[in-house]
Amino acid sequence: MAKMEFTSLGSGSKGNVTVVRAGSTTLLIDCGLSWSEIQNRLEARNLSYSQINAILITHEHGDHHRGVEVVARREQIPIYASSGTLHELYRRNPNVKKLGSLITEISPGVPFRINDIAVHPISVPHDVEEPAQYVCRYQDLGVGVLTDCGSFTEEMVEHFGGLDGLLLETNHDLDMLWNGPYPEQLKARVGGDYGHLSNRQSREFAERIHHVGLQHLVLGHISEQNNALERIMNEFDDLPSGTAITIATQDGGTEWLRVTSN
C-alpha cells in the first residue's frame, strides 16, 4: 500500500513551510521561516534537515522564502524555483545567487522529478514574476499545495483535481476585508484576481475539484486581520463527506497527515 505524508510547519503572512514526504524523499515547499524556527518545527515532527532532499519555492514574497538562503547554505539543500522567482530572489538577496550549483531553475507547466517524488509546477494568478504552486505525486497518490492566487483557472482545476491531499488557501472573508483596517489600495490588491483567494472562492474551487478520493483538505494562509475560523468553517461545513478538513495555523501548522492508496 503506497502512502504519502504532509504537514504544514506554519501557514500565514508571517511565514509558510510545508513538508511532503513519500518513499525515501522529503521536500520542503517554501521556506518562509528562519533556520532555527524551521529546525524546531521539524524536530517537533521527528524530522531533521539531514532528511530534506530539496526546497521548492513558489514565489518571491518574503513569507515564502525568508529562510531559504541560510537553510540552503548551512544545510546544503538544493533549491528549485522558476526563472522569474530566482531573478527576484537574486535582486532581493544577492547571496542567494552565490549558492550556485544548489539552484535548479524550473518552468511552470514542465514536470520534473526529485528522487521518489514527481513534481508538477503549476502557474497561478498572483502579483509576482513567475509563481508556481506544486503538485507532488508518488506512485498513484498525489498531494498539492495551492496558496497565493487571486483566482483560479481551468488549468488549476485540471491539475489540482483528483488529488488525495491538498493544502488550499482560505485567505480572507470578503466582508471582513472590505470593512477592515487595510488601506483601500491593499484591499483591492488582496481581493483582486492576482491577490489571494477568499473563503468563498476557495469553497468554489473545492467543489470543482472534490472527489471521493480526496482524503485530506487543509485550509491555510489565513489572514489574522481579515478572517475568522467560524467564517471559514461556515463555508466548508457542508462539503461532501469523506474528506477530513484541517486548519493550518501560523504558529502550529498541522500535525502529520497521511494519504494512502487502496
Protein backbone atom coordinates (compact mmCIF):
# COMPACT_ATOMS: atom_id res chain seq x y z
CA MET A 1 0.00 0.00 0.00
CA ALA A 2 1.51 3.32 -1.09
CA LYS A 3 1.45 6.31 1.25
CA MET A 4 2.33 9.99 1.24
CA GLU A 5 2.51 12.27 4.26
CA PHE A 6 2.41 16.03 4.54
CA THR A 7 2.42 18.64 7.26
CA SER A 8 2.40 22.42 7.49
CA LEU A 9 5.10 23.85 9.75
CA GLY A 10 3.28 27.18 9.67
CA SER A 11 0.91 28.92 7.29
CA GLY A 12 0.11 32.63 7.05
CA SER A 13 1.51 36.04 6.28
CA LYS A 14 4.36 35.63 8.79
CA GLY A 15 5.83 32.55 7.14
CA ASN A 16 4.97 29.41 5.18
CA VAL A 17 6.62 26.00 5.11
CA THR A 18 5.04 22.69 4.05
CA VAL A 19 6.69 19.27 4.20
CA VAL A 20 5.79 16.48 1.77
CA ARG A 21 7.35 13.05 2.03
CA ALA A 22 6.98 9.76 0.20
CA GLY A 23 9.23 6.76 -0.15
CA SER A 24 12.73 7.91 0.79
CA THR A 25 12.16 11.53 -0.33
CA THR A 26 11.22 14.56 1.77
CA LEU A 27 10.60 18.02 0.29
CA LEU A 28 10.03 21.47 1.73
CA ILE A 29 7.57 23.60 -0.19
CA ASP A 30 8.55 27.18 0.64
CA CYS A 31 10.96 28.28 3.33
CA GLY A 32 9.37 31.35 4.87
CA LEU A 33 10.58 30.93 8.45
CA SER A 34 14.04 31.31 9.96
CA TRP A 35 16.59 28.48 10.00
CA SER A 36 16.14 27.98 13.75
CA GLU A 37 12.35 28.12 13.66
CA ILE A 38 12.18 25.56 10.87
CA GLN A 39 14.64 23.34 12.74
CA ASN A 40 12.49 23.48 15.88
CA ARG A 41 9.32 22.68 13.98
CA LEU A 42 10.98 19.85 12.07
CA GLU A 43 12.25 18.34 15.31
CA ALA A 44 8.74 18.53 16.78
CA ARG A 45 7.70 16.27 13.89
CA ASN A 46 10.66 13.89 14.32
CA LEU A 47 12.47 15.31 11.30
CA SER A 48 15.85 16.96 10.75
CA TYR A 49 17.42 18.99 7.98
CA SER A 50 19.52 15.97 7.01
CA GLN A 51 16.34 14.27 5.78
CA ILE A 52 15.31 17.12 3.44
CA ASN A 53 16.13 16.43 -0.21
CA ALA A 54 15.09 19.77 -1.74
CA ILE A 55 13.29 23.06 -1.23
CA LEU A 56 10.64 24.17 -3.74
CA ILE A 57 9.94 27.92 -3.74
CA THR A 58 6.57 29.13 -5.02
CA HIS A 59 7.37 32.85 -5.44
CA GLU A 60 9.43 35.75 -4.15
CA HIS A 61 7.29 37.20 -1.36
CA GLY A 62 9.20 37.10 1.91
CA ASP A 63 6.75 34.90 3.80
CA HIS A 64 7.62 32.12 1.35
CA HIS A 65 11.41 32.41 1.05
CA ARG A 66 12.65 34.28 4.13
CA GLY A 67 14.90 31.49 5.40
CA VAL A 68 15.91 29.84 2.15
CA GLU A 69 19.39 31.29 1.66
CA VAL A 70 20.54 30.41 5.17
CA VAL A 71 18.89 26.99 5.17
CA ALA A 72 20.25 26.03 1.76
CA ARG A 73 23.76 27.30 2.53
CA ARG A 74 24.08 25.82 6.01
CA GLU A 75 22.43 22.50 5.19
CA GLN A 76 23.49 22.20 1.51
CA ILE A 77 19.91 21.57 0.40
CA PRO A 78 19.06 22.18 -3.29
CA ILE A 79 16.57 24.89 -4.25
CA TYR A 80 14.07 24.63 -7.11
CA ALA A 81 12.27 27.75 -8.40
CA SER A 82 11.16 29.39 -11.63
CA SER A 83 13.35 31.79 -13.58
CA GLY A 84 11.20 34.77 -12.60
CA THR A 85 11.24 33.82 -8.94
CA LEU A 86 15.01 33.30 -8.95
CA HIS A 87 15.54 36.67 -10.63
CA GLU A 88 13.63 38.36 -7.83
CA LEU A 89 15.38 36.34 -5.12
CA TYR A 90 18.77 37.38 -6.52
CA ARG A 91 17.66 41.01 -6.58
CA ARG A 92 16.37 40.92 -3.02
CA ASN A 93 19.22 38.85 -1.59
CA PRO A 94 22.37 38.64 -3.76
CA ASN A 95 23.71 35.88 -1.51
CA VAL A 96 21.14 33.50 -2.99
CA LYS A 97 22.97 33.64 -6.33
CA LYS A 98 26.18 32.53 -4.58
CA LEU A 99 24.53 29.17 -3.87
CA GLY A 100 25.47 28.24 -7.43
CA SER A 101 25.01 24.54 -8.15
CA LEU A 102 22.45 24.20 -5.36
CA ILE A 103 19.97 26.11 -7.54
CA THR A 104 17.83 24.48 -10.23
CA GLU A 105 15.62 26.57 -12.49
CA ILE A 106 12.23 25.05 -13.26
CA SER A 107 9.41 26.13 -15.58
CA PRO A 108 5.71 26.23 -14.66
CA GLY A 109 3.90 23.51 -16.57
CA VAL A 110 7.00 21.33 -17.00
CA PRO A 111 7.13 18.34 -14.60
CA PHE A 112 10.36 17.16 -13.02
CA ARG A 113 11.40 14.51 -10.52
CA ILE A 114 13.24 14.62 -7.21
CA ASN A 115 14.10 11.04 -6.30
CA ASP A 116 10.83 9.24 -5.49
CA ILE A 117 8.54 12.23 -5.99
CA ALA A 118 7.33 13.57 -9.34
CA VAL A 119 6.71 17.32 -9.12
CA HIS A 120 4.42 19.36 -11.37
CA PRO A 121 4.75 23.15 -11.00
CA ILE A 122 1.50 24.93 -11.88
CA SER A 123 1.24 28.56 -12.98
CA VAL A 124 -1.22 30.60 -10.89
CA PRO A 125 -2.53 34.20 -10.99
CA HIS A 126 -0.58 36.16 -8.37
CA ASP A 127 1.10 39.57 -8.49
CA VAL A 128 4.68 38.31 -8.74
CA GLU A 129 7.15 37.50 -11.52
CA GLU A 130 6.58 33.81 -12.27
CA PRO A 131 4.71 31.98 -9.50
CA ALA A 132 4.39 28.21 -9.35
CA GLN A 133 2.34 26.15 -6.95
CA TYR A 134 3.12 22.45 -6.72
CA VAL A 135 1.55 19.03 -7.15
CA CYS A 136 3.65 16.15 -5.82
CA ARG A 137 2.99 12.56 -6.91
CA TYR A 138 4.23 9.21 -5.67
CA GLN A 139 3.04 6.05 -7.39
CA ASP A 140 -0.75 6.55 -7.69
CA LEU A 141 -1.02 9.21 -4.95
CA GLY A 142 -0.97 12.99 -5.21
CA VAL A 143 -0.61 15.88 -2.73
CA GLY A 144 -0.77 19.56 -3.69
CA VAL A 145 -0.13 22.99 -2.19
CA LEU A 146 -2.18 25.88 -3.58
CA THR A 147 -1.90 29.28 -1.93
CA ASP A 148 -1.22 32.85 -3.05
CA CYS A 149 -3.53 33.17 -6.03
CA GLY A 150 -6.34 35.65 -6.56
CA SER A 151 -8.49 33.49 -8.81
CA PHE A 152 -8.47 30.01 -10.29
CA THR A 153 -8.07 28.83 -13.84
CA GLU A 154 -9.17 25.71 -15.69
CA GLU A 155 -5.54 24.58 -15.71
CA MET A 156 -5.54 24.73 -11.91
CA VAL A 157 -8.80 22.78 -11.72
CA GLU A 158 -7.33 20.14 -14.03
CA HIS A 159 -4.07 19.65 -12.15
CA PHE A 160 -5.33 20.01 -8.59
CA GLY A 161 -8.32 17.79 -9.25
CA GLY A 162 -8.00 14.11 -8.42
CA LEU A 163 -5.53 14.61 -5.57
CA ASP A 164 -5.51 12.67 -2.31
CA GLY A 165 -4.39 15.62 -0.19
CA LEU A 166 -4.44 19.39 -0.71
CA LEU A 167 -3.41 22.47 1.24
CA LEU A 168 -5.69 25.23 -0.07
CA GLU A 169 -5.62 28.94 0.66
CA THR A 170 -8.58 30.44 2.52
CA ASN A 171 -7.04 33.86 2.99
CA HIS A 172 -9.87 36.22 3.79
CA ASP A 173 -13.55 36.75 4.34
CA LEU A 174 -14.75 39.35 1.85
CA ASP A 175 -16.86 41.29 4.36
CA MET A 176 -14.04 41.41 6.88
CA LEU A 177 -11.57 42.50 4.19
CA TRP A 178 -13.67 45.31 2.77
CA ASN A 179 -14.78 46.55 6.20
CA GLY A 180 -11.39 46.06 7.83
CA PRO A 181 -8.40 48.31 8.58
CA TYR A 182 -6.39 47.82 5.38
CA PRO A 183 -5.85 50.85 3.09
CA GLU A 184 -8.12 50.78 0.05
CA GLN A 185 -5.24 50.03 -2.31
CA LEU A 186 -4.21 46.99 -0.26
CA LYS A 187 -7.82 45.79 -0.04
CA ALA A 188 -8.03 45.97 -3.82
CA ARG A 189 -4.78 44.03 -4.20
CA VAL A 190 -5.68 41.26 -1.75
CA GLY A 191 -9.21 40.92 -3.12
CA GLY A 192 -8.20 41.19 -6.78
CA ASP A 193 -7.71 38.50 -9.40
CA TYR A 194 -3.96 38.41 -8.69
CA GLY A 195 -4.17 38.62 -4.90
CA HIS A 196 -5.45 35.93 -2.55
CA LEU A 197 -8.38 33.53 -2.52
CA SER A 198 -11.34 34.39 -0.31
CA ASN A 199 -13.22 31.77 1.69
CA ARG A 200 -15.98 31.78 -0.93
CA GLN A 201 -13.56 31.37 -3.83
CA SER A 202 -11.78 28.53 -2.06
CA ARG A 203 -15.09 26.80 -1.43
CA GLU A 204 -15.98 27.13 -5.11
CA PHE A 205 -12.61 25.69 -6.07
CA ALA A 206 -13.01 22.83 -3.58
CA GLU A 207 -16.38 21.99 -5.12
CA ARG A 208 -14.81 21.91 -8.58
CA ILE A 209 -12.03 19.52 -7.61
CA HIS A 210 -13.70 17.48 -4.86
CA HIS A 211 -13.95 13.74 -5.38
CA VAL A 212 -14.36 10.69 -3.17
CA GLY A 213 -10.60 10.11 -3.11
CA LEU A 214 -9.74 13.48 -1.53
CA GLN A 215 -8.70 12.22 1.89
CA HIS A 216 -7.38 15.45 3.44
CA LEU A 217 -8.18 19.10 2.73
CA VAL A 218 -6.07 21.58 4.69
CA LEU A 219 -7.20 25.21 4.79
CA GLY A 220 -4.36 27.68 5.23
CA HIS A 221 -2.68 31.04 4.59
CA ILE A 222 -5.41 32.55 6.76
CA SER A 223 -5.30 36.30 7.35
CA GLU A 224 -5.16 37.28 11.03
CA GLN A 225 -6.91 40.58 10.32
CA ASN A 226 -9.42 39.63 7.65
CA ASN A 227 -10.68 36.17 8.51
CA ALA A 228 -12.11 34.09 11.33
CA LEU A 229 -12.24 30.34 11.87
CA GLU A 230 -16.02 30.25 12.19
CA ARG A 231 -16.43 32.05 8.87
CA ILE A 232 -14.14 29.56 7.16
CA MET A 233 -15.96 26.56 8.58
CA ASN A 234 -19.34 28.05 7.66
CA GLU A 235 -18.20 27.92 4.04
CA PHE A 236 -16.94 24.35 4.25
CA ASP A 237 -19.27 22.67 6.74
CA ASP A 238 -21.42 21.08 4.05
CA LEU A 239 -18.61 19.90 1.79
CA PRO A 240 -19.40 16.30 0.77
CA SER A 241 -18.40 13.84 3.48
CA GLY A 242 -15.38 11.59 3.29
CA THR A 243 -12.79 14.38 3.32
CA ALA A 244 -11.11 15.34 6.60
CA ILE A 245 -10.79 19.13 6.92
CA THR A 246 -7.87 20.57 8.90
CA ILE A 247 -6.89 24.17 9.65
CA ALA A 248 -3.22 25.12 9.20
CA THR A 249 -2.28 27.81 11.71
CA GLN A 250 0.55 30.31 11.67
CA ASP A 251 2.25 29.10 14.83
CA GLY A 252 1.37 25.42 14.87
CA GLY A 253 0.80 24.44 11.26
CA THR A 254 -0.74 20.97 11.28
CA GLU A 255 0.07 17.51 12.51
CA TRP A 256 1.29 14.89 10.07
CA LEU A 257 -1.47 13.94 7.61
CA ARG A 258 -1.30 10.67 5.70
CA VAL A 259 -2.92 9.64 2.43
CA THR A 260 -2.90 6.05 1.23
CA SER A 261 -3.89 4.09 -1.83
CA ASN A 262 -6.43 1.31 -1.63
